[in-house]
Protein backbone atom coordinates (compact mmCIF):
# COMPACT_ATOMS: atom_id res chain seq x y z
CA MET A 1 29.38 25.89 9.14
CA PRO A 2 28.53 25.74 12.90
CA PHE A 3 25.08 26.93 11.83
CA GLN A 4 24.65 23.71 9.82
CA MET A 5 25.66 21.60 12.83
CA ASN A 6 23.15 23.42 15.03
CA SER A 7 20.41 23.08 12.42
CA ILE A 8 20.99 19.33 12.23
CA HIS A 9 20.74 19.05 16.02
CA THR A 10 17.49 21.06 15.92
CA PHE A 11 16.13 18.85 13.15
CA LEU A 12 16.93 15.65 15.03
CA SER A 13 15.34 17.00 18.20
CA SER A 14 12.16 17.80 16.28
CA ALA A 15 12.17 14.20 14.99
CA SER A 16 12.44 12.94 18.61
CA ILE A 17 16.03 11.72 18.07
CA THR A 18 18.11 12.01 21.24
CA LYS A 19 21.79 11.71 22.09
CA ASP A 20 21.16 9.41 25.04
CA GLY A 21 18.93 7.02 23.12
CA ASP A 22 19.69 3.87 21.16
CA ALA A 23 22.04 3.96 18.19
CA LEU A 24 21.34 5.83 14.98
CA LEU A 25 21.97 3.65 11.95
CA VAL A 26 23.76 5.56 9.17
CA ALA A 27 23.81 4.27 5.60
CA LEU A 28 27.47 4.69 4.59
CA SER A 29 28.52 4.29 0.94
CA GLY A 30 31.84 6.09 1.31
CA GLY A 31 30.69 9.00 -0.84
CA ALA A 32 30.97 12.60 0.34
CA ASP A 33 27.32 12.85 1.44
CA SER A 34 27.24 9.77 3.67
CA VAL A 35 30.73 10.43 5.10
CA CYS A 36 29.69 13.98 6.02
CA LEU A 37 26.48 12.74 7.64
CA LEU A 38 28.26 10.08 9.69
CA LEU A 39 30.99 12.40 10.95
CA MET A 40 28.61 15.28 11.71
CA LEU A 41 26.42 13.04 13.84
CA HIS A 42 29.50 11.61 15.54
CA GLU A 43 30.86 15.10 16.30
CA LEU A 44 27.50 16.16 17.70
CA GLY A 45 27.66 13.27 20.16
CA TYR A 46 24.93 11.02 18.76
CA PRO A 47 25.44 7.25 19.12
CA VAL A 48 25.99 6.06 15.55
CA HIS A 49 26.33 2.66 13.90
CA ALA A 50 27.42 2.68 10.24
CA LEU A 51 26.01 0.24 7.68
CA HIS A 52 27.82 -0.44 4.40
CA CYS A 53 26.39 -2.46 1.49
CA ASN A 54 28.76 -4.16 -0.94
CA PHE A 55 26.56 -4.94 -3.94
CA GLU A 56 29.43 -6.73 -5.76
CA LEU A 57 28.69 -4.81 -8.96
CA ARG A 58 32.09 -3.22 -9.66
CA GLY A 59 34.61 -5.92 -8.73
CA THR A 60 37.70 -4.50 -7.02
CA ALA A 61 36.17 -0.99 -6.95
CA SER A 62 33.34 -2.25 -4.72
CA ASP A 63 35.90 -3.87 -2.43
CA ALA A 64 37.90 -0.61 -2.35
CA ASP A 65 34.80 1.30 -1.19
CA GLU A 66 34.29 -1.25 1.56
CA ALA A 67 37.92 -0.99 2.64
CA PHE A 68 37.61 2.82 2.80
CA CYS A 69 34.53 2.59 5.05
CA ARG A 70 36.33 0.12 7.32
CA ARG A 71 39.35 2.43 7.68
CA LEU A 72 37.15 5.47 8.32
CA CYS A 73 35.07 3.81 11.03
CA ARG A 74 38.11 2.23 12.65
CA ALA A 75 39.85 5.62 12.82
CA GLN A 76 36.76 7.27 14.30
CA GLN A 77 35.98 4.29 16.58
CA ILE A 78 32.49 4.01 15.06
CA PRO A 79 30.78 0.59 14.95
CA LEU A 80 30.41 -0.68 11.36
CA SER A 81 28.40 -3.55 9.88
CA VAL A 82 29.06 -4.69 6.30
CA LYS A 83 26.84 -6.87 4.14
CA HIS A 84 27.68 -8.45 0.77
CA PHE A 85 24.86 -8.98 -1.73
CA ARG A 86 24.68 -11.02 -4.91
CA THR A 87 22.71 -8.24 -6.54
CA ARG A 88 22.71 -9.49 -10.12
CA SER A 89 21.52 -12.95 -9.08
CA TYR A 90 18.74 -11.42 -6.97
CA ALA A 91 17.63 -9.20 -9.85
CA GLN A 92 17.48 -12.14 -12.28
CA ARG A 93 15.69 -14.39 -9.77
CA HIS A 94 13.03 -11.77 -9.01
CA GLY A 95 12.75 -10.27 -12.48
CA VAL A 96 13.63 -6.73 -11.37
CA SER A 97 16.22 -4.15 -12.39
CA ILE A 98 19.64 -3.95 -10.76
CA GLU A 99 18.62 -0.64 -9.18
CA MET A 100 15.43 -2.09 -7.69
CA ALA A 101 17.28 -5.19 -6.50
CA ALA A 102 19.86 -3.02 -4.70
CA ARG A 103 17.11 -0.97 -3.05
CA ASP A 104 15.19 -4.04 -1.90
CA LEU A 105 18.29 -5.74 -0.53
CA ARG A 106 19.66 -2.78 1.39
CA TYR A 107 16.41 -1.72 3.01
CA GLN A 108 15.57 -5.27 3.96
CA TRP A 109 18.96 -5.54 5.67
CA PHE A 110 18.62 -2.11 7.29
CA ALA A 111 15.30 -3.20 8.82
CA GLU A 112 16.86 -6.43 10.12
CA VAL A 113 19.76 -4.57 11.77
CA ALA A 114 17.38 -1.98 13.22
CA ALA A 115 15.25 -4.72 14.79
CA ALA A 116 18.33 -6.47 16.22
CA GLU A 117 19.90 -3.25 17.55
CA GLY A 118 16.70 -1.53 18.72
CA ALA A 119 17.83 1.50 16.70
CA GLN A 120 16.21 4.94 17.07
CA ALA A 121 16.21 5.60 13.33
CA LEU A 122 17.98 5.10 10.03
CA CYS A 123 19.82 8.20 8.75
CA VAL A 124 20.38 8.63 5.01
CA ALA A 125 22.37 11.36 3.31
CA HIS A 126 20.00 13.01 0.82
CA HIS A 127 20.88 16.71 0.63
CA ARG A 128 19.40 19.92 -0.76
CA ASP A 129 20.61 19.34 -4.35
CA ASP A 130 19.08 15.85 -4.37
CA ASN A 131 15.84 17.45 -3.23
CA ILE A 132 15.89 20.15 -5.92
CA GLU A 133 16.70 17.64 -8.66
CA THR A 134 13.87 15.36 -7.53
CA LEU A 135 11.42 18.27 -7.57
CA LEU A 136 12.46 19.26 -11.11
CA MET A 137 12.35 15.65 -12.33
CA ASN A 138 8.79 15.31 -11.08
CA LEU A 139 7.85 18.64 -12.66
CA VAL A 140 9.31 17.61 -16.04
CA ARG A 141 7.43 14.30 -16.00
CA GLY A 142 4.19 15.80 -14.75
CA THR A 143 3.02 15.64 -11.15
CA GLY A 144 0.53 16.85 -8.61
CA ILE A 145 1.25 18.77 -5.45
CA HIS A 146 2.76 15.72 -3.73
CA GLY A 147 5.55 15.49 -6.29
CA LEU A 148 6.46 19.16 -5.86
CA THR A 149 7.24 18.84 -2.17
CA GLY A 150 10.49 17.00 -2.88
CA ILE A 151 12.09 14.45 -0.58
CA ARG A 152 10.49 14.03 2.84
CA PRO A 153 12.71 14.91 5.82
CA VAL A 154 11.20 12.01 7.80
CA THR A 155 9.52 8.88 6.42
CA GLU A 156 8.85 5.39 7.70
CA LEU A 157 10.17 2.06 6.52
CA LYS A 158 7.59 -0.68 7.03
CA PRO A 159 9.24 -4.09 6.75
CA GLU A 160 7.17 -7.24 6.34
CA THR A 161 8.21 -8.28 9.82
CA GLY A 162 9.28 -6.21 12.76
CA LYS A 163 8.38 -2.72 13.89
CA THR A 164 8.26 0.36 11.68
CA LEU A 165 11.63 2.08 11.26
CA LYS A 166 11.90 5.87 11.12
CA VAL A 167 14.06 7.11 8.22
CA VAL A 168 15.50 10.61 8.68
CA ARG A 169 17.41 12.88 6.31
CA PRO A 170 19.35 15.45 8.37
CA LEU A 171 21.28 16.96 5.42
CA LEU A 172 18.33 18.24 3.38
CA ALA A 173 19.24 21.85 4.25
CA MET A 174 22.85 21.45 3.03
CA SER A 175 24.04 21.74 -0.56
CA ARG A 176 26.55 19.44 -2.24
CA VAL A 177 29.08 22.30 -2.26
CA GLU A 178 28.65 22.86 1.49
CA ILE A 179 29.07 19.15 2.19
CA GLU A 180 32.33 18.92 0.27
CA ALA A 181 33.58 22.17 1.84
CA TRP A 182 32.87 20.78 5.32
CA LEU A 183 34.87 17.64 4.57
CA THR A 184 37.71 19.57 2.93
CA GLU A 185 37.96 21.83 5.98
CA ARG A 186 38.63 18.70 8.05
CA GLU A 187 40.96 17.20 5.43
CA GLN A 188 38.59 14.27 5.18
CA THR A 189 38.61 12.27 1.94
CA TRP A 190 35.77 10.32 0.37
CA VAL A 191 35.26 7.92 -2.53
CA THR A 192 33.47 8.51 -5.82
CA ASP A 193 31.07 5.77 -6.94
CA ALA A 194 31.41 5.29 -10.70
CA THR A 195 28.15 3.31 -10.81
CA ASN A 196 25.03 5.32 -10.09
CA LEU A 197 22.26 3.04 -8.80
CA ASP A 198 19.65 5.71 -9.36
CA PRO A 199 17.34 4.44 -12.17
CA ASP A 200 16.74 8.09 -13.12
CA ALA A 201 20.45 8.92 -13.40
CA ALA A 202 20.27 10.06 -17.05
CA LEU A 203 17.47 12.56 -16.41
CA ARG A 204 19.00 13.64 -13.10
CA ASN A 205 22.33 14.34 -14.79
CA LYS A 206 20.65 16.46 -17.48
CA ILE A 207 18.95 18.50 -14.78
CA ARG A 208 22.15 18.79 -12.74
CA LEU A 209 24.53 19.58 -15.60
CA GLN A 210 22.31 21.45 -18.07
CA LEU A 211 19.02 22.69 -16.66
CA LEU A 212 20.14 24.03 -13.28
CA PRO A 213 23.13 25.98 -14.66
CA LEU A 214 20.80 27.58 -17.22
CA MET A 215 18.32 28.49 -14.47
CA GLU A 216 21.16 29.96 -12.40
CA GLU A 217 21.95 32.33 -15.27
CA MET A 218 18.42 33.74 -14.84
CA ASN A 219 18.49 33.62 -11.04
CA PRO A 220 21.80 32.98 -9.22
CA ARG A 221 19.81 31.97 -6.10
CA VAL A 222 17.55 29.55 -7.93
CA ARG A 223 18.64 26.56 -5.81
CA GLU A 224 17.74 28.37 -2.59
CA THR A 225 14.49 29.57 -4.19
CA LEU A 226 13.50 26.06 -5.26
CA ALA A 227 14.31 24.62 -1.83
CA GLU A 228 12.20 27.32 -0.15
CA THR A 229 9.38 26.68 -2.64
CA ALA A 230 9.41 22.97 -1.74
CA VAL A 231 9.05 23.87 1.94
CA ARG A 232 6.09 26.17 1.22
CA LEU A 233 4.49 23.52 -0.96
CA THR A 234 4.88 21.00 1.85
CA GLU A 235 2.83 23.31 4.08
CA ALA A 236 0.29 23.81 1.27
CA GLU A 237 0.11 20.04 0.87
CA ALA A 238 -0.95 19.69 4.52
CA LEU A 239 -3.88 22.05 3.89
CA TYR A 240 -4.66 20.22 0.65
CA ASN A 241 -4.74 16.86 2.44
CA GLU A 242 -7.11 18.21 5.07
CA ALA A 243 -9.48 19.50 2.37
CA VAL A 244 -9.40 16.21 0.45
CA GLU A 245 -10.08 14.21 3.62
CA LYS A 246 -13.07 16.42 4.45
CA ILE A 247 -14.54 16.04 0.95
CA GLN A 248 -13.89 12.29 1.12
CA ARG A 249 -15.96 12.07 4.31
CA ASP A 250 -18.76 13.97 2.55
CA VAL A 251 -18.85 11.77 -0.55
CA GLN A 252 -18.06 8.35 0.94
CA GLY A 253 -20.76 6.12 2.38
CA ALA A 254 -20.44 3.76 5.33
CA ASP A 255 -19.81 0.89 2.88
CA GLY A 256 -16.93 2.76 1.24
CA SER A 257 -18.85 3.59 -1.94
CA LEU A 258 -18.65 7.08 -3.44
CA SER A 259 -21.81 9.07 -4.11
CA VAL A 260 -21.82 10.44 -7.66
CA ALA A 261 -24.26 13.22 -6.66
CA ALA A 262 -21.98 14.31 -3.79
CA LEU A 263 -18.90 14.15 -6.02
CA LYS A 264 -20.60 16.43 -8.57
CA GLN A 265 -21.07 19.04 -5.84
CA ALA A 266 -17.51 18.74 -4.53
CA THR A 267 -14.83 21.33 -5.23
CA ALA A 268 -12.25 19.98 -7.72
CA SER A 269 -14.04 16.63 -7.91
CA GLN A 270 -11.60 15.12 -10.43
CA THR A 271 -8.70 15.92 -8.10
CA VAL A 272 -10.58 14.28 -5.22
CA LEU A 273 -11.17 11.20 -7.39
CA HIS A 274 -7.47 11.11 -8.26
CA GLU A 275 -6.47 11.15 -4.59
CA LEU A 276 -8.92 8.34 -3.83
CA LEU A 277 -8.17 6.13 -6.82
CA HIS A 278 -4.48 6.67 -7.60
CA PRO A 279 -3.25 4.78 -4.47
CA GLN A 280 -5.33 1.83 -5.68
CA GLY A 281 -3.38 1.72 -8.95
CA PHE A 282 -5.74 3.61 -11.26
CA THR A 283 -3.99 5.72 -13.90
CA PRO A 284 -4.68 9.43 -14.52
CA GLU A 285 -6.37 8.42 -17.80
CA GLN A 286 -8.70 6.04 -15.96
CA VAL A 287 -9.49 8.68 -13.32
CA ARG A 288 -10.32 11.16 -16.08
CA GLU A 289 -12.64 8.64 -17.77
CA VAL A 290 -14.36 7.78 -14.47
CA HIS A 291 -14.94 11.48 -13.79
CA GLU A 292 -16.31 12.18 -17.26
CA THR A 293 -18.68 9.18 -17.30
CA MET A 294 -19.62 8.72 -13.64
CA GLU A 295 -23.27 9.62 -14.37
CA GLY A 296 -23.61 6.88 -16.99
CA ASP A 297 -25.59 3.66 -16.77
CA SER A 298 -24.76 1.02 -14.17
CA GLY A 299 -22.32 -1.74 -14.94
CA LYS A 300 -19.24 0.11 -16.26
CA LEU A 301 -16.13 -1.47 -14.77
CA TRP A 302 -12.52 -0.28 -14.51
CA GLU A 303 -9.58 -2.41 -13.33
CA SER A 304 -6.36 -0.90 -11.98
CA ARG A 305 -2.77 -2.03 -12.42
CA LYS A 306 -2.96 -3.52 -8.92
CA GLY A 307 -6.00 -5.62 -9.79
CA ASN A 308 -8.45 -3.45 -7.84
CA ARG A 309 -11.79 -2.79 -9.56
CA LEU A 310 -14.16 0.17 -9.66
CA LEU A 311 -17.82 -0.25 -10.60
CA ARG A 312 -20.38 2.37 -11.58
CA ASP A 313 -23.67 1.25 -10.04
CA ARG A 314 -26.92 3.18 -9.41
CA GLY A 315 -25.39 6.56 -8.69
CA ARG A 316 -22.46 5.12 -6.76
CA LEU A 317 -18.85 4.16 -7.43
CA LEU A 318 -17.99 0.87 -5.73
CA MET A 319 -14.43 -0.26 -5.05
CA GLN A 320 -13.37 -3.89 -4.81
CA GLU A 321 -9.87 -4.88 -3.75
CA ALA A 322 -8.04 -7.56 -5.70
CA ALA A 323 -8.72 -11.01 -4.24
CA PRO A 324 -6.00 -13.68 -3.93
CA SER A 325 -6.40 -15.93 -6.97
CA ASP A 326 -5.96 -19.15 -5.00
CA ALA A 327 -8.77 -18.24 -2.59
CA ALA A 328 -11.08 -17.31 -5.46
CA ALA A 329 -10.36 -20.57 -7.28
CA LYS A 330 -11.01 -22.62 -4.17
CA ALA A 331 -14.33 -20.89 -3.54
CA ALA A 332 -15.40 -21.32 -7.19
CA ASP A 333 -14.93 -25.10 -6.98
CA GLY A 334 -17.27 -25.32 -4.02
CA ILE A 335 -16.62 -26.03 -0.35
CA PHE A 336 -18.37 -28.75 1.64
CA LEU A 337 -19.99 -27.47 4.82
CA PRO A 338 -19.73 -29.17 8.21
CA LEU A 339 -22.83 -30.90 9.55
CA ASP A 340 -22.68 -28.83 12.73
CA GLY A 341 -20.73 -25.87 14.08
CA LEU A 342 -19.29 -22.55 12.92
CA TYR A 343 -17.93 -22.22 9.39
CA GLU A 344 -15.87 -19.23 8.27
CA GLY A 345 -15.72 -18.85 4.50
CA PRO A 346 -14.89 -16.46 1.63
CA HIS A 347 -15.78 -12.74 1.63
CA GLY A 348 -15.94 -12.69 5.44
CA LEU A 349 -18.78 -15.24 5.58
CA ARG A 350 -19.50 -16.72 9.03
CA LEU A 351 -22.14 -19.45 9.04
CA LEU A 352 -23.52 -21.18 12.14
CA ILE A 353 -24.94 -24.64 11.38
CA ARG A 354 -27.16 -26.55 13.83
CA ARG A 355 -29.12 -29.80 13.73
CA GLN A 356 -31.85 -30.77 16.16
CA ALA A 357 -34.81 -33.06 16.67
CA ILE A 358 -38.18 -31.28 16.88
CA ASP A 359 -41.86 -31.78 17.57
CA PRO A 360 -43.53 -30.32 14.44
CA THR A 361 -46.66 -29.38 16.41
CA THR A 362 -44.78 -27.02 18.73
CA TYR A 363 -41.65 -26.02 16.76
CA GLU A 364 -41.49 -22.36 15.74
CA ILE A 365 -39.65 -21.78 12.48
CA PRO A 366 -37.07 -18.94 12.83
CA ARG A 367 -38.18 -15.82 10.97
CA GLU A 368 -34.90 -13.88 11.02
CA ALA A 369 -33.77 -12.74 7.57
CA GLN A 370 -30.29 -14.22 8.04
CA THR A 371 -31.52 -17.67 9.10
CA VAL A 372 -32.89 -20.52 6.98
CA CYS A 373 -34.49 -23.69 8.34
CA PHE A 374 -34.55 -26.96 6.36
CA ASP A 375 -36.19 -30.34 6.85
CA LEU A 376 -33.04 -32.42 7.38
CA GLU A 377 -34.47 -35.52 5.68
CA LYS A 378 -35.14 -33.55 2.46
CA LEU A 379 -31.50 -32.47 2.12
CA THR A 380 -28.68 -34.30 0.34
CA LEU A 381 -25.66 -34.08 2.62
CA PRO A 382 -23.07 -32.77 2.88
CA LEU A 383 -24.20 -29.33 1.76
CA CYS A 384 -21.88 -27.42 -0.54
CA LEU A 385 -21.15 -23.68 -0.61
CA ARG A 386 -20.17 -22.04 -3.90
CA PRO A 387 -20.55 -18.79 -5.91
CA VAL A 388 -23.25 -18.25 -8.51
CA ARG A 389 -22.54 -19.80 -11.91
CA GLU A 390 -23.93 -18.81 -15.27
CA GLY A 391 -27.28 -20.50 -15.88
CA ASP A 392 -27.99 -21.28 -12.19
CA ARG A 393 -31.74 -21.60 -11.58
CA PHE A 394 -33.83 -22.19 -8.47
CA GLN A 395 -37.44 -22.13 -7.35
CA PRO A 396 -37.81 -19.42 -4.70
CA PHE A 397 -39.85 -20.61 -1.73
CA GLY A 398 -43.45 -19.41 -2.06
CA MET A 399 -43.22 -18.85 -5.81
CA ALA A 400 -44.29 -20.99 -8.77
CA GLY A 401 -41.70 -21.94 -11.37
CA THR A 402 -37.97 -21.42 -11.45
CA ARG A 403 -35.90 -18.29 -11.96
CA LEU A 404 -32.38 -17.54 -13.02
CA VAL A 405 -30.39 -16.62 -9.93
CA SER A 406 -28.83 -13.72 -11.85
CA ASP A 407 -32.28 -12.28 -12.63
CA TYR A 408 -33.35 -12.71 -9.03
CA LEU A 409 -30.27 -10.82 -7.81
CA THR A 410 -30.97 -8.02 -10.28
CA ASP A 411 -34.50 -7.73 -8.88
CA CYS A 412 -32.92 -7.49 -5.43
CA LYS A 413 -30.81 -4.56 -6.74
CA ARG A 414 -27.52 -6.32 -6.18
CA SER A 415 -24.47 -4.75 -7.84
CA LEU A 416 -22.08 -6.70 -10.07
CA PHE A 417 -19.65 -7.03 -7.16
CA GLU A 418 -22.40 -8.33 -4.88
CA LYS A 419 -23.52 -10.79 -7.56
CA GLU A 420 -19.95 -12.09 -7.90
CA GLN A 421 -19.69 -12.53 -4.14
CA GLN A 422 -23.15 -14.05 -3.71
CA LEU A 423 -22.89 -17.58 -2.33
CA LEU A 424 -25.28 -20.47 -2.78
CA VAL A 425 -25.91 -23.47 -0.53
CA ILE A 426 -26.20 -26.56 -2.72
CA SER A 427 -28.01 -29.77 -1.77
CA GLY A 428 -26.91 -32.52 -4.14
CA GLU A 429 -27.20 -30.78 -7.53
CA ARG A 430 -29.91 -28.29 -6.54
CA ILE A 431 -29.80 -24.83 -4.97
CA ALA A 432 -31.24 -24.87 -1.46
CA TRP A 433 -30.50 -21.29 -0.38
CA VAL A 434 -29.40 -18.04 -1.98
CA THR A 435 -27.58 -17.07 1.19
CA GLY A 436 -29.10 -14.19 3.11
CA LEU A 437 -31.86 -13.70 0.54
CA ARG A 438 -34.17 -16.59 -0.27
CA ALA A 439 -34.56 -20.31 0.45
CA ALA A 440 -35.59 -22.64 -2.35
CA ALA A 441 -38.83 -24.59 -2.39
CA GLY A 442 -38.73 -28.29 -1.62
CA TYR A 443 -36.81 -28.21 1.67
CA GLU A 444 -39.37 -26.55 3.94
CA VAL A 445 -40.42 -27.75 7.38
CA ASP A 446 -43.89 -29.35 7.47
CA GLU A 447 -46.06 -31.54 9.73
CA HIS A 448 -43.93 -34.61 8.90
CA THR A 449 -40.59 -33.02 9.82
CA ARG A 450 -38.75 -34.65 12.73
CA HIS A 451 -35.25 -33.19 12.32
CA VAL A 452 -34.21 -29.74 11.15
CA MET A 453 -30.99 -28.05 10.07
CA THR A 454 -30.72 -24.30 10.56
CA LEU A 455 -28.07 -22.10 8.93
CA THR A 456 -27.52 -18.59 10.29
CA LEU A 457 -25.33 -15.88 8.80
CA LEU A 458 -23.44 -14.12 11.59
């Protein structure tokens, strides 16, 4: 067992955890795993601060667990913080499961304590058997290489406010049997939680009680073998990530679009697509369809579970992140522009508006593509900014007759996303400018102009 203590010290050193630093927060349920973790760290001389969550789910049993943790920490002279949660009420209020509610509540509290204490890290008691069971669960359900690497020894908790908190798992090299043996050797008791807050408890129990014993009949060292395999796959994953990142640089343009031609030439192009699209909420079925049809005609659109959209357009795949619905609704209704100054609008628009008196015989009309110049007296003020609507028509300056704005944008080779984001400047009821592309006839500067308004996209 001293070997395990030394290995934990080595692990913590590699994670930049020191004995003379700020406290280590330890999630303490009272179960064998968390009790072992707390006492091992304490024996090794690390400054520890235990955190116990009472989720009020089991009545007097929950209170008994809390009382055990208080006695343990008092006997060991270890600081302890306890938090009570109305877990069922939270779950109902937020429309989530009890398990998800408990997870949200505890990690939110952990982050708050870490910020207040300036903690080095949060230590949790996942062990080798947890890791093996997670690997097998992912394998049974179907997974890529990421799911076969098991539980990460070090991850980061990113709360909505406050700094990122490092989460470390020092017991991943220890088995459940070794943990209980270590506690028994010290005559240290623990509590057994009758309520498993793991949403996958049924599958995990089948793996623990049925599958693993069967596998041990074929290979008595199967647990060690699986743990070693997870380590090797973690190293393989690092190489895999490097390869995917290189291919991504080769296929991705400066605007973030993906080149279909480059994807076709890439090694394992469907896998690359999966790595690029899955984090955006696209399902494996959607990724497969995108890969099989990416050479089709422009206009095909896919929407992910997160509201992100992917568009096939002229040999490219374009990604658009989900926009806040309130911002989109506000923009669709139209926004009045100031008469002067800098306006910052939807889709990153920055518009500089200026008015000035001129001498038409000497005034030089700006010729920059991003600037439009109007005769102020011909405008109906205030100007309005809004997206394109179905049926919008305008007369492009220098052309006879009117055109549908949608047809004009197609001629300009604008994608569906660009068409949706295209903004118009409206004077009264008429289009005065298809921003960044073309001014409308009827507002031009001539020999009678005395005041002008210029709009410049920045």
